[in-house]
């Protein structure tokens, strides 16, 4: 097998592999786009991981000093 034939075979195989990977990637992309998203939270008022922190309302003289 001479060098020219070897290089031609390497280029042909790499081209075929590239085309196969491109088609596979496109198919995976289309399958992912078709999939419907799941609901992230059970309801709109509940969170999945965290409880929302609500600071206590300001009271007393400290609230008056903080306002401009």
PDB file of N, CA and C in Angstrom:
ATOM      1  N   UNK A   1       0.860  -1.172   0.000  1.00  0.00           N
ATOM      2  CA  UNK A   1       0.000   0.000   0.000  1.00  0.00           C
ATOM      3  C   UNK A   1       0.905   1.232   0.000  1.00  0.00           C
ATOM      4  N   UNK A   2       0.739   2.068  -0.989  1.00  0.00           N
ATOM      5  CA  UNK A   2       1.596   3.246  -1.052  1.00  0.00           C
ATOM      6  C   UNK A   2       1.018   4.371  -0.194  1.00  0.00           C
ATOM      7  N   UNK A   3       1.765   5.431  -0.051  1.00  0.00           N
ATOM      8  CA  UNK A   3       1.409   6.535   0.846  1.00  0.00           C
ATOM      9  C   UNK A   3       0.171   7.283   0.360  1.00  0.00           C
ATOM     10  N   UNK A   4       0.046   7.465  -0.950  1.00  0.00           N
ATOM     11  CA  UNK A   4      -1.114   8.186  -1.487  1.00  0.00           C
ATOM     12  C   UNK A   4      -2.416   7.446  -1.196  1.00  0.00           C
ATOM     13  N   UNK A   5      -2.419   6.160  -1.360  1.00  0.00           N
ATOM     14  CA  UNK A   5      -3.623   5.372  -1.086  1.00  0.00           C
ATOM     15  C   UNK A   5      -3.953   5.388   0.409  1.00  0.00           C
ATOM     16  N   UNK A   6      -2.940   5.318   1.235  1.00  0.00           N
ATOM     17  CA  UNK A   6      -3.149   5.355   2.691  1.00  0.00           C
ATOM     18  C   UNK A   6      -3.758   6.694   3.111  1.00  0.00           C
ATOM     19  N   UNK A   7      -3.225   7.776   2.607  1.00  0.00           N
ATOM     20  CA  UNK A   7      -3.775   9.090   2.954  1.00  0.00           C
ATOM     21  C   UNK A   7      -5.190   9.262   2.418  1.00  0.00           C
ATOM     22  N   UNK A   8      -5.466   8.741   1.252  1.00  0.00           N
ATOM     23  CA  UNK A   8      -6.818   8.820   0.694  1.00  0.00           C
ATOM     24  C   UNK A   8      -7.814   8.055   1.551  1.00  0.00           C
ATOM     25  N   UNK A   9      -7.409   6.892   2.032  1.00  0.00           N
ATOM     26  CA  UNK A   9      -8.289   6.090   2.897  1.00  0.00           C
ATOM     27  C   UNK A   9      -8.527   6.806   4.216  1.00  0.00           C
ATOM     28  N   UNK A  10      -7.489   7.410   4.790  1.00  0.00           N
ATOM     29  CA  UNK A  10      -7.642   8.138   6.057  1.00  0.00           C
ATOM     30  C   UNK A  10      -8.590   9.316   5.874  1.00  0.00           C
ATOM     31  N   UNK A  11      -8.443  10.057   4.793  1.00  0.00           N
ATOM     32  CA  UNK A  11      -9.321  11.199   4.536  1.00  0.00           C
ATOM     33  C   UNK A  11     -10.757  10.734   4.307  1.00  0.00           C
ATOM     34  N   UNK A  12     -10.950   9.668   3.560  1.00  0.00           N
ATOM     35  CA  UNK A  12     -12.293   9.153   3.306  1.00  0.00           C
ATOM     36  C   UNK A  12     -12.963   8.688   4.591  1.00  0.00           C
ATOM     37  N   UNK A  13     -12.236   7.955   5.410  1.00  0.00           N
ATOM     38  CA  UNK A  13     -12.813   7.463   6.670  1.00  0.00           C
ATOM     39  C   UNK A  13     -13.137   8.630   7.597  1.00  0.00           C
ATOM     40  N   UNK A  14     -12.271   9.615   7.695  1.00  0.00           N
ATOM     41  CA  UNK A  14     -12.548  10.761   8.567  1.00  0.00           C
ATOM     42  C   UNK A  14     -13.745  11.557   8.049  1.00  0.00           C
ATOM     43  N   UNK A  15     -13.909  11.660   6.743  1.00  0.00           N
ATOM     44  CA  UNK A  15     -15.068  12.348   6.184  1.00  0.00           C
ATOM     45  C   UNK A  15     -16.355  11.596   6.506  1.00  0.00           C
ATOM     46  N   UNK A  16     -16.346  10.296   6.358  1.00  0.00           N
ATOM     47  CA  UNK A  16     -17.546   9.489   6.651  1.00  0.00           C
ATOM     48  C   UNK A  16     -17.897   9.568   8.130  1.00  0.00           C
ATOM     49  N   UNK A  17     -16.898   9.504   8.985  1.00  0.00           N
ATOM     50  CA  UNK A  17     -17.152   9.610  10.428  1.00  0.00           C
ATOM     51  C   UNK A  17     -17.726  10.981  10.767  1.00  0.00           C
ATOM     52  N   UNK A  18     -17.213  12.028  10.141  1.00  0.00           N
ATOM     53  CA  UNK A  18     -17.730  13.380  10.385  1.00  0.00           C
ATOM     54  C   UNK A  18     -19.188  13.496   9.959  1.00  0.00           C
ATOM     55  N   UNK A  19     -19.530  12.943   8.824  1.00  0.00           N
ATOM     56  CA  UNK A  19     -20.914  13.003   8.351  1.00  0.00           C
ATOM     57  C   UNK A  19     -21.831  12.212   9.281  1.00  0.00           C
ATOM     58  N   UNK A  20     -21.394  11.053   9.723  1.00  0.00           N
ATOM     59  CA  UNK A  20     -22.214  10.238  10.631  1.00  0.00           C
ATOM     60  C   UNK A  20     -22.422  10.964  11.959  1.00  0.00           C
ATOM     61  N   UNK A  21     -21.372  11.593  12.489  1.00  0.00           N
ATOM     62  CA  UNK A  21     -21.520  12.343  13.739  1.00  0.00           C
ATOM     63  C   UNK A  21     -22.431  13.557  13.559  1.00  0.00           C
ATOM     64  N   UNK A  22     -22.360  14.212  12.414  1.00  0.00           N
ATOM     65  CA  UNK A  22     -23.232  15.363  12.163  1.00  0.00           C
ATOM     66  C   UNK A  22     -24.687  14.934  12.096  1.00  0.00           C
ATOM     67  N   UNK A  23     -24.969  13.842  11.418  1.00  0.00           N
ATOM     68  CA  UNK A  23     -26.347  13.349  11.327  1.00  0.00           C
ATOM     69  C   UNK A  23     -26.847  12.916  12.705  1.00  0.00           C
ATOM     70  N   UNK A  24     -26.003  12.245  13.474  1.00  0.00           N
ATOM     71  CA  UNK A  24     -26.396  11.841  14.825  1.00  0.00           C
ATOM     72  C   UNK A  24     -26.654  13.029  15.738  1.00  0.00           C
ATOM     73  N   UNK A  25     -25.827  14.047  15.635  1.00  0.00           N
ATOM     74  CA  UNK A  25     -26.029  15.248  16.443  1.00  0.00           C
ATOM     75  C   UNK A  25     -27.319  15.956  16.068  1.00  0.00           C
ATOM     76  N   UNK A  26     -27.593  16.042  14.789  1.00  0.00           N
ATOM     77  CA  UNK A  26     -28.827  16.688  14.345  1.00  0.00           C
ATOM     78  C   UNK A  26     -30.053  15.904  14.801  1.00  0.00           C
ATOM     79  N   UNK A  27     -29.981  14.585  14.744  1.00  0.00           N
ATOM     80  CA  UNK A  27     -31.106  13.765  15.209  1.00  0.00           C
ATOM     81  C   UNK A  27     -31.318  13.935  16.715  1.00  0.00           C
ATOM     82  N   UNK A  28     -30.230  13.981  17.479  1.00  0.00           N
ATOM     83  CA  UNK A  28     -30.358  14.187  18.926  1.00  0.00           C
ATOM     84  C   UNK A  28     -30.936  15.566  19.234  1.00  0.00           C
ATOM     85  N   UNK A  29     -30.531  16.562  18.467  1.00  0.00           N
ATOM     86  CA  UNK A  29     -31.080  17.913  18.640  1.00  0.00           C
ATOM     87  C   UNK A  29     -32.579  17.939  18.368  1.00  0.00           C
ATOM     88  N   UNK A  30     -33.002  17.300  17.278  1.00  0.00           N
ATOM     89  CA  UNK A  30     -34.424  17.282  16.947  1.00  0.00           C
ATOM     90  C   UNK A  30     -35.237  16.516  17.986  1.00  0.00           C
ATOM     91  N   UNK A  31     -34.698  15.418  18.499  1.00  0.00           N
ATOM     92  CA  UNK A  31     -35.404  14.672  19.542  1.00  0.00           C
ATOM     93  C   UNK A  31     -35.531  15.497  20.819  1.00  0.00           C
ATOM     94  N   UNK A  32     -34.492  16.251  21.142  1.00  0.00           N
ATOM     95  CA  UNK A  32     -34.544  17.069  22.349  1.00  0.00           C
ATOM     96  C   UNK A  32     -35.524  18.223  22.173  1.00  0.00           C
ATOM     97  N   UNK A  33     -35.583  18.807  21.001  1.00  0.00           N
ATOM     98  CA  UNK A  33     -36.523  19.891  20.754  1.00  0.00           C
ATOM     99  C   UNK A  33     -37.967  19.413  20.792  1.00  0.00           C
ATOM    100  N   UNK A  34     -38.214  18.185  20.431  1.00  0.00           N
ATOM    101  CA  UNK A  34     -39.568  17.643  20.404  1.00  0.00           C
ATOM    102  C   UNK A  34     -40.077  17.318  21.804  1.00  0.00           C
ATOM    103  N   UNK A  35     -39.158  17.044  22.732  1.00  0.00           N
ATOM    104  CA  UNK A  35     -39.553  16.652  24.083  1.00  0.00           C
ATOM    105  C   UNK A  35     -40.234  17.807  24.802  1.00  0.00           C
ATOM    106  N   UNK A  36     -41.308  17.516  25.489  1.00  0.00           N
ATOM    107  CA  UNK A  36     -42.039  18.527  26.227  1.00  0.00           C
ATOM    108  C   UNK A  36     -41.394  18.747  27.591  1.00  0.00           C
ATOM    109  N   UNK A  37     -41.270  19.999  28.023  1.00  0.00           N
ATOM    110  CA  UNK A  37     -40.663  20.251  29.333  1.00  0.00           C
ATOM    111  C   UNK A  37     -41.588  19.843  30.473  1.00  0.00           C
ATOM    112  N   UNK A  38     -40.993  19.361  31.543  1.00  0.00           N
ATOM    113  CA  UNK A  38     -41.765  19.030  32.730  1.00  0.00           C
ATOM    114  C   UNK A  38     -41.979  20.280  33.561  1.00  0.00           C
ATOM    115  N   UNK A  39     -42.972  20.246  34.416  1.00  0.00           N
ATOM    116  CA  UNK A  39     -43.196  21.360  35.332  1.00  0.00           C
ATOM    117  C   UNK A  39     -42.063  21.376  36.350  1.00  0.00           C
ATOM    118  N   UNK A  40     -41.486  22.552  36.566  1.00  0.00           N
ATOM    119  CA  UNK A  40     -40.346  22.658  37.467  1.00  0.00           C
ATOM    120  C   UNK A  40     -40.784  22.566  38.931  1.00  0.00           C
ATOM    121  N   UNK A  41     -41.976  23.080  39.232  1.00  0.00           N
ATOM    122  CA  UNK A  41     -42.451  23.108  40.605  1.00  0.00           C
ATOM    123  C   UNK A  41     -43.835  22.465  40.663  1.00  0.00           C
ATOM    124  N   UNK A  42     -44.162  21.859  41.795  1.00  0.00           N
ATOM    125  CA  UNK A  42     -45.488  21.244  41.914  1.00  0.00           C
ATOM    126  C   UNK A  42     -46.624  22.249  41.753  1.00  0.00           C
ATOM    127  N   UNK A  43     -46.460  23.442  42.287  1.00  0.00           N
ATOM    128  CA  UNK A  43     -47.469  24.488  42.123  1.00  0.00           C
ATOM    129  C   UNK A  43     -46.749  25.824  42.011  1.00  0.00           C
ATOM    130  N   UNK A  44     -47.481  26.857  41.666  1.00  0.00           N
ATOM    131  CA  UNK A  44     -46.848  28.159  41.454  1.00  0.00           C
ATOM    132  C   UNK A  44     -46.383  28.792  42.755  1.00  0.00           C
ATOM    133  N   UNK A  45     -46.988  28.459  43.867  1.00  0.00           N
ATOM    134  CA  UNK A  45     -46.643  29.103  45.135  1.00  0.00           C
ATOM    135  C   UNK A  45     -45.589  28.350  45.925  1.00  0.00           C
ATOM    136  N   UNK A  46     -45.219  27.164  45.513  1.00  0.00           N
ATOM    137  CA  UNK A  46     -44.216  26.421  46.264  1.00  0.00           C
ATOM    138  C   UNK A  46     -42.923  26.346  45.461  1.00  0.00           C
ATOM    139  N   UNK A  47     -41.817  26.271  46.162  1.00  0.00           N
ATOM    140  CA  UNK A  47     -40.528  26.141  45.508  1.00  0.00           C
ATOM    141  C   UNK A  47     -40.038  24.715  45.652  1.00  0.00           C
ATOM    142  N   UNK A  48     -39.124  24.324  44.814  1.00  0.00           N
ATOM    143  CA  UNK A  48     -38.668  22.947  44.793  1.00  0.00           C
ATOM    144  C   UNK A  48     -37.607  22.674  45.854  1.00  0.00           C
ATOM    145  N   UNK A  49     -36.672  23.598  46.036  1.00  0.00           N
ATOM    146  CA  UNK A  49     -35.582  23.365  46.963  1.00  0.00           C
ATOM    147  C   UNK A  49     -35.589  24.282  48.181  1.00  0.00           C
ATOM    148  N   UNK A  50     -35.966  25.520  48.003  1.00  0.00           N
ATOM    149  CA  UNK A  50     -35.750  26.517  49.045  1.00  0.00           C
ATOM    150  C   UNK A  50     -37.049  27.087  49.552  1.00  0.00           C
ATOM    151  N   UNK A  51     -37.009  27.560  50.793  1.00  0.00           N
ATOM    152  CA  UNK A  51     -38.106  28.336  51.352  1.00  0.00           C
ATOM    153  C   UNK A  51     -37.726  29.800  51.233  1.00  0.00           C
ATOM    154  N   UNK A  52     -38.642  30.596  50.728  1.00  0.00           N
ATOM    155  CA  UNK A  52     -38.356  32.014  50.537  1.00  0.00           C
ATOM    156  C   UNK A  52     -38.224  32.701  51.891  1.00  0.00           C
ATOM    157  N   UNK A  53     -37.168  33.502  52.031  1.00  0.00           N
ATOM    158  CA  UNK A  53     -36.934  34.259  53.259  1.00  0.00           C
ATOM    159  C   UNK A  53     -37.624  35.595  53.146  1.00  0.00           C
ATOM    160  N   UNK A  54     -38.504  35.870  54.074  1.00  0.00           N
ATOM    161  CA  UNK A  54     -39.177  37.161  54.129  1.00  0.00           C
ATOM    162  C   UNK A  54     -38.730  37.857  55.410  1.00  0.00           C
ATOM    163  N   UNK A  55     -37.979  38.940  55.297  1.00  0.00           N
ATOM    164  CA  UNK A  55     -37.506  39.620  56.507  1.00  0.00           C
ATOM    165  C   UNK A  55     -38.683  40.221  57.271  1.00  0.00           C
ATOM    166  N   UNK A  56     -38.526  40.325  58.570  1.00  0.00           N
ATOM    167  CA  UNK A  56     -39.618  40.908  59.352  1.00  0.00           C
ATOM    168  C   UNK A  56     -39.794  42.389  58.977  1.00  0.00           C
ATOM    169  N   UNK A  57     -40.995  42.894  59.092  1.00  0.00           N
ATOM    170  CA  UNK A  57     -41.222  44.301  58.747  1.00  0.00           C
ATOM    171  C   UNK A  57     -40.461  45.215  59.706  1.00  0.00           C
ATOM    172  N   UNK A  58     -39.940  46.305  59.204  1.00  0.00           N
ATOM    173  CA  UNK A  58     -39.185  47.210  60.080  1.00  0.00           C
ATOM    174  C   UNK A  58     -40.114  47.879  61.089  1.00  0.00           C
ATOM    175  N   UNK A  59     -39.648  47.939  62.333  1.00  0.00           N
ATOM    176  CA  UNK A  59     -40.421  48.587  63.395  1.00  0.00           C
ATOM    177  C   UNK A  59     -39.473  49.412  64.239  1.00  0.00           C
ATOM    178  N   UNK A  60     -39.997  50.390  64.908  1.00  0.00           N
ATOM    179  CA  UNK A  60     -39.195  51.171  65.851  1.00  0.00           C
ATOM    180  C   UNK A  60     -38.442  52.309  65.185  1.00  0.00           C
ATOM    181  N   UNK A  61     -37.451  52.848  65.933  1.00  0.00           N
ATOM    182  CA  UNK A  61     -36.695  54.014  65.482  1.00  0.00           C
ATOM    183  C   UNK A  61     -35.680  53.661  64.400  1.00  0.00           C
ATOM    184  N   UNK A  62     -35.240  52.439  64.341  1.00  0.00           N
ATOM    185  CA  UNK A  62     -34.268  52.044  63.327  1.00  0.00           C
ATOM    186  C   UNK A  62     -34.818  52.192  61.924  1.00  0.00           C
ATOM    187  N   UNK A  63     -36.096  52.003  61.734  1.00  0.00           N
ATOM    188  CA  UNK A  63     -36.708  52.129  60.414  1.00  0.00           C
ATOM    189  C   UNK A  63     -36.763  53.604  60.012  1.00  0.00           C
ATOM    190  N   UNK A  64     -36.968  54.491  60.948  1.00  0.00           N
ATOM    191  CA  UNK A  64     -37.028  55.915  60.639  1.00  0.00           C
ATOM    192  C   UNK A  64     -35.646  56.451  60.243  1.00  0.00           C
ATOM    193  N   UNK A  65     -34.580  55.937  60.862  1.00  0.00           N
ATOM    194  CA  UNK A  65     -33.237  56.433  60.577  1.00  0.00           C
ATOM    195  C   UNK A  65     -32.755  55.929  59.211  1.00  0.00           C
ATOM    196  N   UNK A  66     -33.235  54.822  58.763  1.00  0.00           N
ATOM    197  CA  UNK A  66     -32.769  54.262  57.500  1.00  0.00           C
ATOM    198  C   UNK A  66     -33.372  54.955  56.300  1.00  0.00           C
ATOM    199  N   UNK A  67     -34.530  55.589  56.452  1.00  0.00           N
ATOM    200  CA  UNK A  67     -35.166  56.270  55.335  1.00  0.00           C
ATOM    201  C   UNK A  67     -34.517  57.640  55.115  1.00  0.00           C
ATOM    202  N   UNK A  68     -34.358  58.077  53.864  1.00  0.00           N
ATOM    203  CA  UNK A  68     -33.749  59.396  53.608  1.00  0.00           C
ATOM    204  C   UNK A  68     -34.663  60.542  53.886  1.00  0.00           C
TER     205      UNK A  68
END
